[in-house]
Amino acid sequence: MSFPLPGAVGFVDGTHINLEEKPYVNCPDDYYSRKQRYGLHLQIVCDYNLKIRHFKLGNTASVHDAKVFSQCVLGN
């Protein structure tokens, strides 16, 4: 398999893990995403061989990808 972006060292992407129901926490609306679902944010980083090298789970679905990246080890 050839690497789709010559010169790149890896990929970073964020996605949501949907929750089936509204979470029982102090601020459940923080878990509500722009896609009108409750969920958690998952960020995954893979290298040029498409092996997962880092992941971050725990932010609420309402948090933007850029903010999640800025809070992770790689963003610092």
PDB file of N, CA and C in Angstrom:
ATOM      1  N   MET A   1       0.849  -1.171   0.000  1.00  0.00           N
ATOM      2  CA  MET A   1       0.000   0.000   0.000  1.00  0.00           C
ATOM      3  C   MET A   1       0.896   1.236   0.000  1.00  0.00           C
ATOM      4  N   SER A   2       0.571   2.192  -0.862  1.00  0.00           N
ATOM      5  CA  SER A   2       1.345   3.425  -0.883  1.00  0.00           C
ATOM      6  C   SER A   2       0.697   4.455   0.043  1.00  0.00           C
ATOM      7  N   PHE A   3       1.532   5.268   0.623  1.00  0.00           N
ATOM      8  CA  PHE A   3       1.053   6.295   1.544  1.00  0.00           C
ATOM      9  C   PHE A   3       0.364   7.386   0.735  1.00  0.00           C
ATOM     10  N   PRO A   4      -0.842   7.793   1.116  1.00  0.00           N
ATOM     11  CA  PRO A   4      -1.625   8.720   0.311  1.00  0.00           C
ATOM     12  C   PRO A   4      -1.113  10.165   0.256  1.00  0.00           C
ATOM     13  N   LEU A   5      -0.295  10.577   1.201  1.00  0.00           N
ATOM     14  CA  LEU A   5       0.215  11.947   1.216  1.00  0.00           C
ATOM     15  C   LEU A   5       1.729  11.941   1.375  1.00  0.00           C
ATOM     16  N   PRO A   6       2.463  11.948   0.274  1.00  0.00           N
ATOM     17  CA  PRO A   6       3.930  11.933   0.355  1.00  0.00           C
ATOM     18  C   PRO A   6       4.449  13.087   1.214  1.00  0.00           C
ATOM     19  N   GLY A   7       5.408  12.793   2.086  1.00  0.00           N
ATOM     20  CA  GLY A   7       6.002  13.798   2.951  1.00  0.00           C
ATOM     21  C   GLY A   7       5.309  13.943   4.297  1.00  0.00           C
ATOM     22  N   ALA A   8       4.097  13.382   4.433  1.00  0.00           N
ATOM     23  CA  ALA A   8       3.387  13.452   5.714  1.00  0.00           C
ATOM     24  C   ALA A   8       3.938  12.391   6.658  1.00  0.00           C
ATOM     25  N   VAL A   9       3.875  12.662   7.934  1.00  0.00           N
ATOM     26  CA  VAL A   9       4.365  11.693   8.917  1.00  0.00           C
ATOM     27  C   VAL A   9       3.229  10.949   9.607  1.00  0.00           C
ATOM     28  N   GLY A  10       1.997  11.403   9.416  1.00  0.00           N
ATOM     29  CA  GLY A  10       0.868  10.725  10.036  1.00  0.00           C
ATOM     30  C   GLY A  10      -0.421  11.509   9.865  1.00  0.00           C
ATOM     31  N   PHE A  11      -1.441  11.050  10.546  1.00  0.00           N
ATOM     32  CA  PHE A  11      -2.777  11.641  10.459  1.00  0.00           C
ATOM     33  C   PHE A  11      -3.336  11.871  11.855  1.00  0.00           C
ATOM     34  N   VAL A  12      -4.138  12.918  11.998  1.00  0.00           N
ATOM     35  CA  VAL A  12      -4.869  13.203  13.235  1.00  0.00           C
ATOM     36  C   VAL A  12      -6.325  13.410  12.842  1.00  0.00           C
ATOM     37  N   ASP A  13      -7.239  12.770  13.562  1.00  0.00           N
ATOM     38  CA  ASP A  13      -8.653  12.993  13.289  1.00  0.00           C
ATOM     39  C   ASP A  13      -9.456  12.801  14.557  1.00  0.00           C
ATOM     40  N   GLY A  14     -10.567  13.487  14.623  1.00  0.00           N
ATOM     41  CA  GLY A  14     -11.470  13.367  15.754  1.00  0.00           C
ATOM     42  C   GLY A  14     -12.805  12.810  15.300  1.00  0.00           C
ATOM     43  N   THR A  15     -13.458  12.121  16.185  1.00  0.00           N
ATOM     44  CA  THR A  15     -14.782  11.569  15.913  1.00  0.00           C
ATOM     45  C   THR A  15     -15.560  11.519  17.219  1.00  0.00           C
ATOM     46  N   HIS A  16     -16.829  11.196  17.117  1.00  0.00           N
ATOM     47  CA  HIS A  16     -17.662  11.097  18.312  1.00  0.00           C
ATOM     48  C   HIS A  16     -18.075   9.659  18.563  1.00  0.00           C
ATOM     49  N   ILE A  17     -18.140   9.304  19.824  1.00  0.00           N
ATOM     50  CA  ILE A  17     -18.716   8.023  20.236  1.00  0.00           C
ATOM     51  C   ILE A  17     -20.080   8.375  20.816  1.00  0.00           C
ATOM     52  N   ASN A  18     -21.122   7.959  20.127  1.00  0.00           N
ATOM     53  CA  ASN A  18     -22.473   8.304  20.543  1.00  0.00           C
ATOM     54  C   ASN A  18     -22.900   7.545  21.793  1.00  0.00           C
ATOM     55  N   LEU A  19     -23.622   8.244  22.663  1.00  0.00           N
ATOM     56  CA  LEU A  19     -24.210   7.638  23.853  1.00  0.00           C
ATOM     57  C   LEU A  19     -25.683   7.381  23.558  1.00  0.00           C
ATOM     58  N   GLU A  20     -26.211   6.313  24.063  1.00  0.00           N
ATOM     59  CA  GLU A  20     -27.604   5.956  23.801  1.00  0.00           C
ATOM     60  C   GLU A  20     -28.599   6.867  24.504  1.00  0.00           C
ATOM     61  N   GLU A  21     -28.183   7.433  25.622  1.00  0.00           N
ATOM     62  CA  GLU A  21     -29.102   8.295  26.359  1.00  0.00           C
ATOM     63  C   GLU A  21     -28.351   9.454  26.996  1.00  0.00           C
ATOM     64  N   LYS A  22     -29.096  10.417  27.476  1.00  0.00           N
ATOM     65  CA  LYS A  22     -28.530  11.579  28.142  1.00  0.00           C
ATOM     66  C   LYS A  22     -27.763  11.129  29.382  1.00  0.00           C
ATOM     67  N   PRO A  23     -26.503  11.545  29.532  1.00  0.00           N
ATOM     68  CA  PRO A  23     -25.716  11.109  30.687  1.00  0.00           C
ATOM     69  C   PRO A  23     -26.209  11.749  31.986  1.00  0.00           C
ATOM     70  N   TYR A  24     -26.068  11.032  33.071  1.00  0.00           N
ATOM     71  CA  TYR A  24     -26.458  11.514  34.395  1.00  0.00           C
ATOM     72  C   TYR A  24     -25.260  12.182  35.059  1.00  0.00           C
ATOM     73  N   VAL A  25     -24.991  13.421  34.645  1.00  0.00           N
ATOM     74  CA  VAL A  25     -23.882  14.212  35.174  1.00  0.00           C
ATOM     75  C   VAL A  25     -24.387  15.620  35.458  1.00  0.00           C
ATOM     76  N   ASN A  26     -23.543  16.455  36.061  1.00  0.00           N
ATOM     77  CA  ASN A  26     -23.947  17.823  36.396  1.00  0.00           C
ATOM     78  C   ASN A  26     -24.336  18.667  35.187  1.00  0.00           C
ATOM     79  N   CYS A  27     -23.608  18.541  34.082  1.00  0.00           N
ATOM     80  CA  CYS A  27     -23.857  19.352  32.874  1.00  0.00           C
ATOM     81  C   CYS A  27     -24.052  18.452  31.654  1.00  0.00           C
ATOM     82  N   PRO A  28     -25.175  17.764  31.556  1.00  0.00           N
ATOM     83  CA  PRO A  28     -25.362  16.836  30.443  1.00  0.00           C
ATOM     84  C   PRO A  28     -25.357  17.509  29.073  1.00  0.00           C
ATOM     85  N   ASP A  29     -25.699  18.801  29.010  1.00  0.00           N
ATOM     86  CA  ASP A  29     -25.705  19.484  27.722  1.00  0.00           C
ATOM     87  C   ASP A  29     -24.307  19.625  27.128  1.00  0.00           C
ATOM     88  N   ASP A  30     -23.267  19.526  27.950  1.00  0.00           N
ATOM     89  CA  ASP A  30     -21.897  19.546  27.436  1.00  0.00           C
ATOM     90  C   ASP A  30     -21.637  18.339  26.529  1.00  0.00           C
ATOM     91  N   TYR A  31     -22.369  17.279  26.731  1.00  0.00           N
ATOM     92  CA  TYR A  31     -22.200  16.059  25.945  1.00  0.00           C
ATOM     93  C   TYR A  31     -22.993  16.096  24.643  1.00  0.00           C
ATOM     94  N   TYR A  32     -23.782  17.140  24.441  1.00  0.00           N
ATOM     95  CA  TYR A  32     -24.642  17.239  23.267  1.00  0.00           C
ATOM     96  C   TYR A  32     -23.845  17.843  22.119  1.00  0.00           C
ATOM     97  N   SER A  33     -23.786  17.159  20.997  1.00  0.00           N
ATOM     98  CA  SER A  33     -22.959  17.587  19.866  1.00  0.00           C
ATOM     99  C   SER A  33     -23.769  18.397  18.862  1.00  0.00           C
ATOM    100  N   ARG A  34     -23.069  18.957  17.897  1.00  0.00           N
ATOM    101  CA  ARG A  34     -23.723  19.697  16.816  1.00  0.00           C
ATOM    102  C   ARG A  34     -24.561  18.775  15.938  1.00  0.00           C
ATOM    103  N   LYS A  35     -24.378  17.476  16.091  1.00  0.00           N
ATOM    104  CA  LYS A  35     -25.154  16.493  15.326  1.00  0.00           C
ATOM    105  C   LYS A  35     -26.382  16.016  16.098  1.00  0.00           C
ATOM    106  N   GLN A  36     -26.728  16.774  17.152  1.00  0.00           N
ATOM    107  CA  GLN A  36     -27.910  16.514  17.972  1.00  0.00           C
ATOM    108  C   GLN A  36     -27.903  15.120  18.613  1.00  0.00           C
ATOM    109  N   ARG A  37     -26.742  14.728  19.103  1.00  0.00           N
ATOM    110  CA  ARG A  37     -26.578  13.461  19.817  1.00  0.00           C
ATOM    111  C   ARG A  37     -25.725  13.699  21.049  1.00  0.00           C
ATOM    112  N   TYR A  38     -25.908  12.882  22.070  1.00  0.00           N
ATOM    113  CA  TYR A  38     -25.021  12.906  23.239  1.00  0.00           C
ATOM    114  C   TYR A  38     -23.841  12.003  22.937  1.00  0.00           C
ATOM    115  N   GLY A  39     -22.653  12.417  23.358  1.00  0.00           N
ATOM    116  CA  GLY A  39     -21.501  11.583  23.080  1.00  0.00           C
ATOM    117  C   GLY A  39     -20.216  12.079  23.703  1.00  0.00           C
ATOM    118  N   LEU A  40     -19.161  11.319  23.421  1.00  0.00           N
ATOM    119  CA  LEU A  40     -17.799  11.635  23.845  1.00  0.00           C
ATOM    120  C   LEU A  40     -16.964  11.900  22.598  1.00  0.00           C
ATOM    121  N   HIS A  41     -15.914  12.674  22.757  1.00  0.00           N
ATOM    122  CA  HIS A  41     -15.010  12.979  21.645  1.00  0.00           C
ATOM    123  C   HIS A  41     -13.817  12.029  21.716  1.00  0.00           C
ATOM    124  N   LEU A  42     -13.441  11.467  20.584  1.00  0.00           N
ATOM    125  CA  LEU A  42     -12.280  10.586  20.467  1.00  0.00           C
ATOM    126  C   LEU A  42     -11.350  11.155  19.409  1.00  0.00           C
ATOM    127  N   GLN A  43     -10.077  11.337  19.769  1.00  0.00           N
ATOM    128  CA  GLN A  43      -9.062  11.773  18.813  1.00  0.00           C
ATOM    129  C   GLN A  43      -8.059  10.643  18.636  1.00  0.00           C
ATOM    130  N   ILE A  44      -7.724  10.342  17.389  1.00  0.00           N
ATOM    131  CA  ILE A  44      -6.767   9.275  17.089  1.00  0.00           C
ATOM    132  C   ILE A  44      -5.662   9.839  16.199  1.00  0.00           C
ATOM    133  N   VAL A  45      -4.419   9.445  16.507  1.00  0.00           N
ATOM    134  CA  VAL A  45      -3.261   9.814  15.703  1.00  0.00           C
ATOM    135  C   VAL A  45      -2.619   8.537  15.211  1.00  0.00           C
ATOM    136  N   CYS A  46      -2.397   8.453  13.889  1.00  0.00           N
ATOM    137  CA  CYS A  46      -1.704   7.276  13.351  1.00  0.00           C
ATOM    138  C   CYS A  46      -0.488   7.733  12.564  1.00  0.00           C
ATOM    139  N   ASP A  47       0.473   6.825  12.426  1.00  0.00           N
ATOM    140  CA  ASP A  47       1.706   7.155  11.703  1.00  0.00           C
ATOM    141  C   ASP A  47       1.548   6.825  10.219  1.00  0.00           C
ATOM    142  N   TYR A  48       2.642   6.956   9.471  1.00  0.00           N
ATOM    143  CA  TYR A  48       2.606   6.729   8.028  1.00  0.00           C
ATOM    144  C   TYR A  48       2.316   5.273   7.660  1.00  0.00           C
ATOM    145  N   ASN A  49       2.475   4.339   8.619  1.00  0.00           N
ATOM    146  CA  ASN A  49       2.113   2.937   8.395  1.00  0.00           C
ATOM    147  C   ASN A  49       0.676   2.651   8.834  1.00  0.00           C
ATOM    148  N   LEU A  50      -0.040   3.707   9.203  1.00  0.00           N
ATOM    149  CA  LEU A  50      -1.427   3.642   9.656  1.00  0.00           C
ATOM    150  C   LEU A  50      -1.590   2.872  10.962  1.00  0.00           C
ATOM    151  N   LYS A  51      -0.521   2.853  11.774  1.00  0.00           N
ATOM    152  CA  LYS A  51      -0.591   2.283  13.124  1.00  0.00           C
ATOM    153  C   LYS A  51      -0.995   3.386  14.085  1.00  0.00           C
ATOM    154  N   ILE A  52      -1.913   3.093  14.979  1.00  0.00           N
ATOM    155  CA  ILE A  52      -2.345   4.075  15.965  1.00  0.00           C
ATOM    156  C   ILE A  52      -1.207   4.318  16.949  1.00  0.00           C
ATOM    157  N   ARG A  53      -0.816   5.585  17.084  1.00  0.00           N
ATOM    158  CA  ARG A  53       0.286   5.967  17.958  1.00  0.00           C
ATOM    159  C   ARG A  53      -0.166   6.749  19.188  1.00  0.00           C
ATOM    160  N   HIS A  54      -1.360   7.301  19.139  1.00  0.00           N
ATOM    161  CA  HIS A  54      -1.858   8.091  20.260  1.00  0.00           C
ATOM    162  C   HIS A  54      -3.369   8.185  20.132  1.00  0.00           C
ATOM    163  N   PHE A  55      -4.048   8.181  21.270  1.00  0.00           N
ATOM    164  CA  PHE A  55      -5.475   8.479  21.251  1.00  0.00           C
ATOM    165  C   PHE A  55      -5.838   9.220  22.519  1.00  0.00           C
ATOM    166  N   LYS A  56      -6.895  10.002  22.426  1.00  0.00           N
ATOM    167  CA  LYS A  56      -7.379  10.781  23.568  1.00  0.00           C
ATOM    168  C   LYS A  56      -8.889  10.646  23.599  1.00  0.00           C
ATOM    169  N   LEU A  57      -9.397  10.144  24.699  1.00  0.00           N
ATOM    170  CA  LEU A  57     -10.832   9.973  24.895  1.00  0.00           C
ATOM    171  C   LEU A  57     -11.212  10.623  26.204  1.00  0.00           C
ATOM    172  N   GLY A  58     -12.346  11.276  26.235  1.00  0.00           N
ATOM    173  CA  GLY A  58     -12.803  11.840  27.494  1.00  0.00           C
ATOM    174  C   GLY A  58     -13.445  13.199  27.376  1.00  0.00           C
ATOM    175  N   ASN A  59     -13.078  13.961  26.344  1.00  0.00           N
ATOM    176  CA  ASN A  59     -13.755  15.242  26.166  1.00  0.00           C
ATOM    177  C   ASN A  59     -15.204  14.990  25.764  1.00  0.00           C
ATOM    178  N   THR A  60     -16.040  15.960  26.076  1.00  0.00           N
ATOM    179  CA  THR A  60     -17.444  15.837  25.687  1.00  0.00           C
ATOM    180  C   THR A  60     -17.595  16.126  24.197  1.00  0.00           C
ATOM    181  N   ALA A  61     -18.695  15.676  23.616  1.00  0.00           N
ATOM    182  CA  ALA A  61     -18.908  15.819  22.174  1.00  0.00           C
ATOM    183  C   ALA A  61     -19.028  17.265  21.721  1.00  0.00           C
ATOM    184  N   SER A  62     -19.309  18.168  22.633  1.00  0.00           N
ATOM    185  CA  SER A  62     -19.454  19.572  22.247  1.00  0.00           C
ATOM    186  C   SER A  62     -18.112  20.270  22.025  1.00  0.00           C
ATOM    187  N   VAL A  63     -17.012  19.631  22.389  1.00  0.00           N
ATOM    188  CA  VAL A  63     -15.679  20.239  22.264  1.00  0.00           C
ATOM    189  C   VAL A  63     -15.172  20.091  20.824  1.00  0.00           C
ATOM    190  N   HIS A  64     -14.616  21.165  20.270  1.00  0.00           N
ATOM    191  CA  HIS A  64     -14.108  21.188  18.899  1.00  0.00           C
ATOM    192  C   HIS A  64     -12.801  20.393  18.789  1.00  0.00           C
ATOM    193  N   ASP A  65     -12.563  19.806  17.610  1.00  0.00           N
ATOM    194  CA  ASP A  65     -11.339  19.034  17.354  1.00  0.00           C
ATOM    195  C   ASP A  65     -10.073  19.817  17.704  1.00  0.00           C
ATOM    196  N   ALA A  66     -10.024  21.087  17.332  1.00  0.00           N
ATOM    197  CA  ALA A  66      -8.829  21.900  17.567  1.00  0.00           C
ATOM    198  C   ALA A  66      -8.539  22.054  19.062  1.00  0.00           C
ATOM    199  N   LYS A  67      -9.571  22.188  19.865  1.00  0.00           N
ATOM    200  CA  LYS A  67      -9.369  22.321  21.306  1.00  0.00           C
ATOM    201  C   LYS A  67      -8.876  21.007  21.900  1.00  0.00           C
ATOM    202  N   VAL A  68      -9.432  19.889  21.440  1.00  0.00           N
ATOM    203  CA  VAL A  68      -8.986  18.582  21.926  1.00  0.00           C
ATOM    204  C   VAL A  68      -7.501  18.399  21.598  1.00  0.00           C
ATOM    205  N   PHE A  69      -7.099  18.739  20.372  1.00  0.00           N
ATOM    206  CA  PHE A  69      -5.694  18.601  19.978  1.00  0.00           C
ATOM    207  C   PHE A  69      -4.799  19.501  20.828  1.00  0.00           C
ATOM    208  N   SER A  70      -5.235  20.728  21.084  1.00  0.00           N
ATOM    209  CA  SER A  70      -4.410  21.648  21.870  1.00  0.00           C
ATOM    210  C   SER A  70      -4.236  21.189  23.308  1.00  0.00           C
ATOM    211  N   GLN A  71      -5.139  20.333  23.800  1.00  0.00           N
ATOM    212  CA  GLN A  71      -5.050  19.839  25.160  1.00  0.00           C
ATOM    213  C   GLN A  71      -4.280  18.525  25.277  1.00  0.00           C
ATOM    214  N   CYS A  72      -3.953  17.907  24.162  1.00  0.00           N
ATOM    215  CA  CYS A  72      -3.256  16.616  24.228  1.00  0.00           C
ATOM    216  C   CYS A  72      -1.746  16.812  24.257  1.00  0.00           C
ATOM    217  N   VAL A  73      -1.026  15.753  24.518  1.00  0.00           N
ATOM    218  CA  VAL A  73       0.442  15.791  24.606  1.00  0.00           C
ATOM    219  C   VAL A  73       1.050  16.285  23.302  1.00  0.00           C
ATOM    220  N   LEU A  74       0.517  15.861  22.165  1.00  0.00           N
ATOM    221  CA  LEU A  74       1.067  16.259  20.872  1.00  0.00           C
ATOM    222  C   LEU A  74       0.824  17.731  20.574  1.00  0.00           C
ATOM    223  N   GLY A  75      -0.269  18.268  21.070  1.00  0.00           N
ATOM    224  CA  GLY A  75      -0.584  19.675  20.830  1.00  0.00           C
ATOM    225  C   GLY A  75       0.304  20.625  21.599  1.00  0.00           C
ATOM    226  N   ASN A  76       0.935  20.107  22.654  1.00  0.00           N
ATOM    227  CA  ASN A  76       1.850  20.945  23.445  1.00  0.00           C
ATOM    228  C   ASN A  76       3.211  20.870  22.847  1.00  0.00           C
TER     229      ASN A  76
END
